[in-house]
C-alpha atoms as a PDB file:
ATOM      1  CA  MET A   1      61.048 133.588  91.685  1.00  0.00           C
ATOM      2  CA  ALA A   2      64.353 133.664  90.122  1.00  0.00           C
ATOM      3  CA  VAL A   3      66.130 133.839  93.502  1.00  0.00           C
ATOM      4  CA  ILE A   4      64.346 130.656  94.668  1.00  0.00           C
ATOM      5  CA  GLU A   5      65.307 128.986  91.656  1.00  0.00           C
ATOM      6  CA  TRP A   6      68.793 129.442  92.057  1.00  0.00           C
ATOM      7  CA  ILE A   7      68.934 128.516  95.511  1.00  0.00           C
ATOM      8  CA  ARG A   8      67.333 125.475  94.701  1.00  0.00           C
ATOM      9  CA  PHE A   9      69.537 124.873  91.845  1.00  0.00           C
ATOM     10  CA  LEU A  10      72.786 125.453  94.172  1.00  0.00           C
ATOM     11  CA  PHE A  11      71.194 122.913  96.728  1.00  0.00           C
ATOM     12  CA  GLY A  12      70.583 120.618  94.088  1.00  0.00           C
ATOM     13  CA  ALA A  13      74.153 120.732  92.778  1.00  0.00           C
ATOM     14  CA  LEU A  14      75.682 120.481  96.209  1.00  0.00           C
ATOM     15  CA  PHE A  15      73.837 117.465  96.867  1.00  0.00           C
ATOM     16  CA  LEU A  16      75.124 115.575  93.390  1.00  0.00           C
ATOM     17  CA  LEU A  17      78.568 117.138  94.349  1.00  0.00           C
ATOM     18  CA  CYS A  18      78.386 115.165  97.773  1.00  0.00           C
ATOM     19  CA  GLY A  19      76.879 112.386  96.086  1.00  0.00           C
ATOM     20  CA  LEU A  20      79.992 112.094  93.268  1.00  0.00           C
ATOM     21  CA  LEU A  21      82.699 112.670  96.260  1.00  0.00           C
ATOM     22  CA  ILE A  22      80.696 109.444  98.154  1.00  0.00           C
ATOM     23  CA  PHE A  23      81.016 107.847  95.419  1.00  0.00           C
ATOM     24  CA  LEU A  24      84.843 108.370  95.063  1.00  0.00           C
ATOM     25  CA  ILE A  25      85.133 107.836  98.794  1.00  0.00           C
ATOM     26  CA  GLU A  26      83.779 104.445  98.210  1.00  0.00           C
ATOM     27  CA  MET A  27      85.558 103.533  95.523  1.00  0.00           C
ATOM     28  CA  VAL A  28      88.994 104.031  96.777  1.00  0.00           C
ATOM     29  CA  GLY A  29      87.794 102.354  99.863  1.00  0.00           C
ATOM     30  CA  VAL A  30      86.726  99.152  97.545  1.00  0.00           C
ATOM     31  CA  PHE A  31      90.380  99.228  96.013  1.00  0.00           C
ATOM     32  CA  ARG A  32      92.385  99.905  99.136  1.00  0.00           C
ATOM     33  CA  PHE A  33      91.135  97.419 101.584  1.00  0.00           C
ATOM     34  CA  ARG A  34      92.243  93.912 101.871  1.00  0.00           C
ATOM     35  CA  TYR A  35      89.935  91.607 103.137  1.00  0.00           C
ATOM     36  CA  VAL A  36      86.345  91.404 101.554  1.00  0.00           C
ATOM     37  CA  MET A  37      84.322  92.363 104.590  1.00  0.00           C
ATOM     38  CA  ASN A  38      86.110  95.652 104.650  1.00  0.00           C
ATOM     39  CA  ARG A  39      85.539  96.165 101.312  1.00  0.00           C
ATOM     40  CA  MET A  40      81.987  95.344 101.004  1.00  0.00           C
ATOM     41  CA  HIS A  41      81.225  97.510 104.047  1.00  0.00           C
ATOM     42  CA  ALA A  42      82.606 100.453 102.451  1.00  0.00           C
ATOM     43  CA  ALA A  43      80.404  99.758  99.322  1.00  0.00           C
ATOM     44  CA  ALA A  44      77.654  99.168 101.228  1.00  0.00           C
ATOM     45  CA  MET A  45      77.687 102.091 102.709  1.00  0.00           C
ATOM     46  CA  GLY A  46      78.856 104.284 100.049  1.00  0.00           C
ATOM     47  CA  ASP A  47      76.162 102.888  97.778  1.00  0.00           C
ATOM     48  CA  THR A  48      73.236 104.105 100.038  1.00  0.00           C
ATOM     49  CA  LEU A  49      74.474 107.253 101.051  1.00  0.00           C
ATOM     50  CA  GLY A  50      75.831 108.399  97.695  1.00  0.00           C
ATOM     51  CA  ILE A  51      72.487 107.241  95.722  1.00  0.00           C
ATOM     52  CA  ALA A  52      70.354 108.734  98.374  1.00  0.00           C
ATOM     53  CA  SER A  53      72.459 112.022  98.217  1.00  0.00           C
ATOM     54  CA  SER A  54      72.416 111.872  94.124  1.00  0.00           C
ATOM     55  CA  LEU A  55      68.762 111.516  93.946  1.00  0.00           C
ATOM     56  CA  ILE A  56      67.931 114.350  96.664  1.00  0.00           C
ATOM     57  CA  GLY A  57      69.995 116.175  94.166  1.00  0.00           C
ATOM     58  CA  LEU A  58      67.858 115.166  91.153  1.00  0.00           C
ATOM     59  CA  ILE A  59      64.757 115.902  93.437  1.00  0.00           C
ATOM     60  CA  LEU A  60      65.748 119.110  93.838  1.00  0.00           C
ATOM     61  CA  PHE A  61      66.497 119.592  90.397  1.00  0.00           C
ATOM     62  CA  SER A  62      63.206 118.327  89.125  1.00  0.00           C
ATOM     63  CA  GLY A  63      61.064 120.163  91.803  1.00  0.00           C
ATOM     64  CA  LEU A  64      57.694 119.030  93.362  1.00  0.00           C
ATOM     65  CA  ASN A  65      55.939 116.531  90.715  1.00  0.00           C
ATOM     66  CA  PHE A  66      55.283 113.438  89.901  1.00  0.00           C
ATOM     67  CA  THR A  67      58.814 112.435  88.871  1.00  0.00           C
ATOM     68  CA  SER A  68      60.006 113.454  92.472  1.00  0.00           C
ATOM     69  CA  LEU A  69      57.729 111.159  93.771  1.00  0.00           C
ATOM     70  CA  LYS A  70      59.309 108.143  91.612  1.00  0.00           C
ATOM     71  CA  LEU A  71      62.900 109.307  92.562  1.00  0.00           C
ATOM     72  CA  PHE A  72      61.910 109.418  96.391  1.00  0.00           C
ATOM     73  CA  CYS A  73      60.547 105.877  96.215  1.00  0.00           C
ATOM     74  CA  ILE A  74      63.757 104.660  94.568  1.00  0.00           C
ATOM     75  CA  ILE A  75      65.183 106.016  97.586  1.00  0.00           C
ATOM     76  CA  VAL A  76      63.664 104.196  99.659  1.00  0.00           C
ATOM     77  CA  PHE A  77      63.471 101.044  98.010  1.00  0.00           C
ATOM     78  CA  LEU A  78      67.607 101.618  97.861  1.00  0.00           C
ATOM     79  CA  TRP A  79      67.446 102.315 101.683  1.00  0.00           C
ATOM     80  CA  PHE A  80      65.759  98.766 102.341  1.00  0.00           C
ATOM     81  CA  SER A  81      67.451  96.618  99.907  1.00  0.00           C
ATOM     82  CA  SER A  82      71.268  97.543  99.674  1.00  0.00           C
ATOM     83  CA  PRO A  83      72.117  96.943 103.266  1.00  0.00           C
ATOM     84  CA  THR A  84      70.096  93.822 103.292  1.00  0.00           C
ATOM     85  CA  SER A  85      71.718  92.134 100.100  1.00  0.00           C
ATOM     86  CA  SER A  86      75.541  93.281 101.965  1.00  0.00           C
ATOM     87  CA  HIS A  87      74.101  91.714 105.200  1.00  0.00           C
ATOM     88  CA  LEU A  88      73.084  88.236 103.091  1.00  0.00           C
ATOM     89  CA  ILE A  89      76.546  88.527 101.170  1.00  0.00           C
ATOM     90  CA  ALA A  90      78.347  88.829 104.565  1.00  0.00           C
ATOM     91  CA  ARG A  91      76.758  85.657 106.166  1.00  0.00           C
ATOM     92  CA  LEU A  92      77.738  84.046 103.039  1.00  0.00           C
ATOM     93  CA  GLU A  93      81.469  85.080 103.293  1.00  0.00           C
ATOM     94  CA  VAL A  94      81.163  84.274 107.082  1.00  0.00           C
ATOM     95  CA  VAL A  95      79.911  80.455 106.251  1.00  0.00           C
ATOM     96  CA  THR A  96      82.072  79.666 103.187  1.00  0.00           C
ATOM     97  CA  ASP A  97      85.445  81.480 104.251  1.00  0.00           C
ATOM     98  CA  GLU A  98      88.150  78.002 104.953  1.00  0.00           C
ATOM     99  CA  LYS A  99      90.671  80.691 106.679  1.00  0.00           C
ATOM    100  CA  LYS A 100      88.245  82.306 108.980  1.00  0.00           C
ATOM    101  CA  GLU A 101      90.696  82.552 112.047  1.00  0.00           C
ATOM    102  CA  LYS A 102      93.622  84.260 109.997  1.00  0.00           C
ATOM    103  CA  HIS A 103      90.921  87.305 109.929  1.00  0.00           C
ATOM    104  CA  TYR A 104      88.757  87.231 113.299  1.00  0.00           C
ATOM    105  CA  THR A 105      88.127  85.192 116.428  1.00  0.00           C
ATOM    106  CA  VAL A 106      85.020  82.749 116.086  1.00  0.00           C
ATOM    107  CA  MET A 107      82.799  82.278 118.931  1.00  0.00           C
ATOM    108  CA  ASN A 108      80.711  79.592 119.868  1.00  0.00           C
ATOM    109  CA  LEU A 109      77.218  81.094 121.409  1.00  0.00           C
ATOM    110  CA  ASP A 110      75.775  77.798 121.541  1.00  0.00           C
ATOM    111  CA  LYS A 111      78.035  76.903 124.716  1.00  0.00           C
ATOM    112  CA  PRO A 112      78.415  79.886 127.216  1.00  0.00           C
ATOM    113  CA  GLU A 113      80.453  77.997 129.366  1.00  0.00           C
ATOM    114  CA  GLU A 114      83.112  77.145 126.939  1.00  0.00           C
ATOM    115  CA  ARG A 115      83.523  80.662 126.163  1.00  0.00           C
ATOM    116  CA  GLN A 116      83.832  81.558 130.050  1.00  0.00           C
ATOM    117  CA  LYS A 117      86.409  79.451 130.199  1.00  0.00           C
ATOM    118  CA  GLU A 118      88.416  80.956 127.532  1.00  0.00           C
ATOM    119  CA  ASP A 119      87.766  84.074 129.094  1.00  0.00           C
ATOM    120  CA  ALA A 120      89.278  82.980 131.747  1.00  0.00           C
ATOM    121  CA  LYS A 121      92.141  81.496 130.123  1.00  0.00           C
ATOM    122  CA  SER A 122      93.162  84.659 128.333  1.00  0.00           C
ATOM    123  CA  GLY A 123      92.560  86.946 131.378  1.00  0.00           C
ATOM    124  CA  ASN A 124      89.656  88.386 129.390  1.00  0.00           C
ATOM    125  CA  THR A 125      87.194  89.749 132.405  1.00  0.00           C
ATOM    126  CA  GLU A 126      85.119  92.056 130.221  1.00  0.00           C
ATOM    127  CA  ALA A 127      81.544  90.305 130.293  1.00  0.00           C
ATOM    128  CA  GLY A 128      80.485  91.106 126.664  1.00  0.00           C
ATOM    129  CA  SER A 129      83.819  90.760 125.104  1.00  0.00           C
ATOM    130  CA  ALA A 130      83.959  89.644 121.581  1.00  0.00           C
ATOM    131  CA  GLY A 131      87.567  88.240 121.616  1.00  0.00           C
ATOM    132  CA  GLY A 132      88.896  90.091 118.702  1.00  0.00           C
ATOM    133  CA  GLU A 133      90.970  92.550 117.867  1.00  0.00           C
END
């Protein structure tokens, strides 16, 4: 029985260390990127993966009990809420950014004929191109 406990301990520690490493990489990404959308992407992806990895490590430490079920419910909740909140914040940034042409190309999807004319002028023959770099 002691061997199983050690294996569970090692895997739990591995998941916790992996979560800490993901948080460290996320923090570096948040401070190194210049554009707010890149920062937000690094933060959202790091939070989702880092929290899940850390909580899985805690589940392994705890064993199969009611506390593990609660930790799993927290993982599920965060996996739904974190991407949703990041998406809403990203949409707010796109709508309120006054200098959006500096960061990305804006396409008007309501008028596809204007897009075809713009693609023809720029020499872009790819049908589904976003037009940005």
